[in-house]
Amino acid sequence: MLKRVRDRDGVSLVEILIAVIILSVALLGLAAAGGVAARQVYMGRVDMGRWAALQQQLESLVAEGYDNVTAGSDTVQGYPMEWAVSGTDPKQITLLMTRENFRGEIVQDTLVTYMANPN
């Protein structure tokens, strides 16, 4: 009587190669996602720094008081910005920061607020 050898224990070389290929593709995908996530975190930190500088300048302008606030420009935390003041009551303060974005394009961040006469 002949015995058929169909039930084999173990894994063939082809199965191992396919598993290695699938694992490699998955790990490359995770590595790429990690790179994208790191870049997004960096961009978020830079944006937060810019908005903090704008907020700092705005608070400085408000601290000058209604009668003393005038148009001008300054560099705050390394970010150049300029502002315009218009209107009488309330005064509109438009704060602009011109910068280069991550694609090399020139863009402007704008912050507008109003200041009422306390008298």
Protein backbone atom coordinates (compact mmCIF):
# COMPACT_ATOMS: atom_id res chain seq x y z
CA MET A 1 0.00 0.00 0.00
CA LEU A 2 1.30 3.43 -0.98
CA LYS A 3 1.15 6.25 1.49
CA ARG A 4 0.26 9.67 0.17
CA VAL A 5 2.25 12.53 1.56
CA ARG A 6 -0.24 15.39 1.55
CA ASP A 7 -0.18 16.63 5.10
CA ARG A 8 3.08 18.46 5.42
CA ASP A 9 4.24 20.18 8.52
CA GLY A 10 6.09 23.47 8.12
CA VAL A 11 6.06 26.33 5.66
CA SER A 12 7.36 26.45 2.13
CA LEU A 13 9.93 28.95 0.88
CA VAL A 14 7.35 30.65 -1.35
CA GLU A 15 5.05 31.24 1.60
CA ILE A 16 7.90 32.77 3.58
CA LEU A 17 8.84 35.07 0.69
CA ILE A 18 5.25 36.25 0.29
CA ALA A 19 5.01 36.95 4.04
CA VAL A 20 8.29 38.90 3.97
CA ILE A 21 7.08 40.99 1.00
CA ILE A 22 3.77 41.79 2.71
CA LEU A 23 5.55 42.71 5.94
CA SER A 24 8.04 44.92 4.05
CA VAL A 25 5.25 46.83 2.27
CA ALA A 26 3.42 47.35 5.57
CA LEU A 27 6.57 48.61 7.33
CA LEU A 28 7.37 51.00 4.47
CA GLY A 29 3.84 52.39 4.70
CA LEU A 30 4.22 52.94 8.43
CA ALA A 31 7.58 54.65 7.94
CA ALA A 32 6.10 56.99 5.32
CA ALA A 33 3.17 57.81 7.61
CA GLY A 34 5.61 58.58 10.43
CA GLY A 35 7.47 61.02 8.19
CA VAL A 36 4.24 62.78 7.24
CA ALA A 37 3.17 62.98 10.88
CA ALA A 38 6.54 64.44 11.92
CA ARG A 39 6.29 67.11 9.22
CA GLN A 40 2.75 68.03 10.26
CA VAL A 41 3.83 68.39 13.89
CA TYR A 42 6.72 70.65 12.83
CA MET A 43 4.44 72.79 10.66
CA GLY A 44 1.97 73.08 13.54
CA ARG A 45 4.70 74.29 15.88
CA VAL A 46 5.85 76.91 13.38
CA ASP A 47 2.27 78.11 12.83
CA MET A 48 1.70 78.30 16.57
CA GLY A 49 4.83 80.44 16.94
CA ARG A 50 3.63 82.83 14.24
CA TRP A 51 0.19 83.21 15.77
CA ALA A 52 1.74 83.75 19.21
CA ALA A 53 3.85 86.57 17.75
CA LEU A 54 0.75 88.13 16.15
CA GLN A 55 -1.15 87.85 19.42
CA GLN A 56 1.76 89.39 21.34
CA GLN A 57 1.86 92.37 18.96
CA LEU A 58 -1.92 92.80 19.15
CA GLU A 59 -1.82 92.82 22.94
CA SER A 60 0.97 95.40 22.79
CA LEU A 61 -1.15 97.64 20.55
CA VAL A 62 -4.19 97.31 22.81
CA ALA A 63 -2.02 98.15 25.83
CA GLU A 64 -1.05 101.47 24.21
CA GLY A 65 -4.63 102.61 24.69
CA TYR A 66 -7.33 103.94 22.41
CA ASP A 67 -5.84 107.43 21.98
CA ASN A 68 -2.25 106.28 21.39
CA VAL A 69 -2.60 103.37 18.97
CA THR A 70 -1.29 104.24 15.48
CA ALA A 71 -0.26 102.41 12.33
CA GLY A 72 3.25 100.99 12.16
CA SER A 73 5.47 97.96 11.71
CA ASP A 74 7.79 95.85 13.83
CA THR A 75 9.51 92.49 14.06
CA VAL A 76 8.25 90.26 16.86
CA GLN A 77 10.06 86.99 17.67
CA GLY A 78 11.73 87.19 14.26
CA TYR A 79 8.48 87.67 12.33
CA PRO A 80 8.06 90.96 10.44
CA MET A 81 4.58 92.45 10.64
CA GLU A 82 2.76 95.68 9.99
CA TRP A 83 -0.55 97.07 11.12
CA ALA A 84 -3.04 99.68 10.04
CA VAL A 85 -5.51 101.56 12.22
CA SER A 86 -8.74 102.90 10.73
CA GLY A 87 -12.08 104.25 11.95
CA THR A 88 -12.89 106.40 14.93
CA ASP A 89 -15.17 104.53 17.31
CA PRO A 90 -14.47 101.68 17.27
CA LYS A 91 -11.00 101.73 15.76
CA GLN A 92 -10.20 98.79 13.51
CA ILE A 93 -6.69 97.35 13.89
CA THR A 94 -5.58 95.17 10.97
CA LEU A 95 -2.37 93.26 11.71
CA LEU A 96 -0.57 91.64 8.74
CA MET A 97 2.30 89.18 8.64
CA THR A 98 3.77 88.45 5.22
CA ARG A 99 5.70 85.20 5.07
CA GLU A 100 6.75 82.31 2.88
CA ASN A 101 4.76 79.12 3.33
CA PHE A 102 6.15 75.58 3.17
CA ARG A 103 5.71 75.47 -0.61
CA GLY A 104 7.73 78.65 -1.14
CA GLU A 105 4.67 80.83 -1.85
CA ILE A 106 4.30 84.29 -0.31
CA VAL A 107 1.19 84.46 1.88
CA GLN A 108 -0.26 86.90 4.41
CA ASP A 109 -1.71 86.10 7.80
CA THR A 110 -4.24 88.72 8.88
CA LEU A 111 -5.63 89.43 12.32
CA VAL A 112 -8.40 92.05 12.67
CA THR A 113 -9.69 93.42 15.94
CA TYR A 114 -11.69 96.42 17.09
CA MET A 115 -10.95 98.82 19.92
CA ALA A 116 -13.74 100.93 21.41
CA ASN A 117 -13.30 104.32 23.05
CA PRO A 118 -13.53 103.75 26.83
CA ASN A 119 -14.84 107.29 27.44
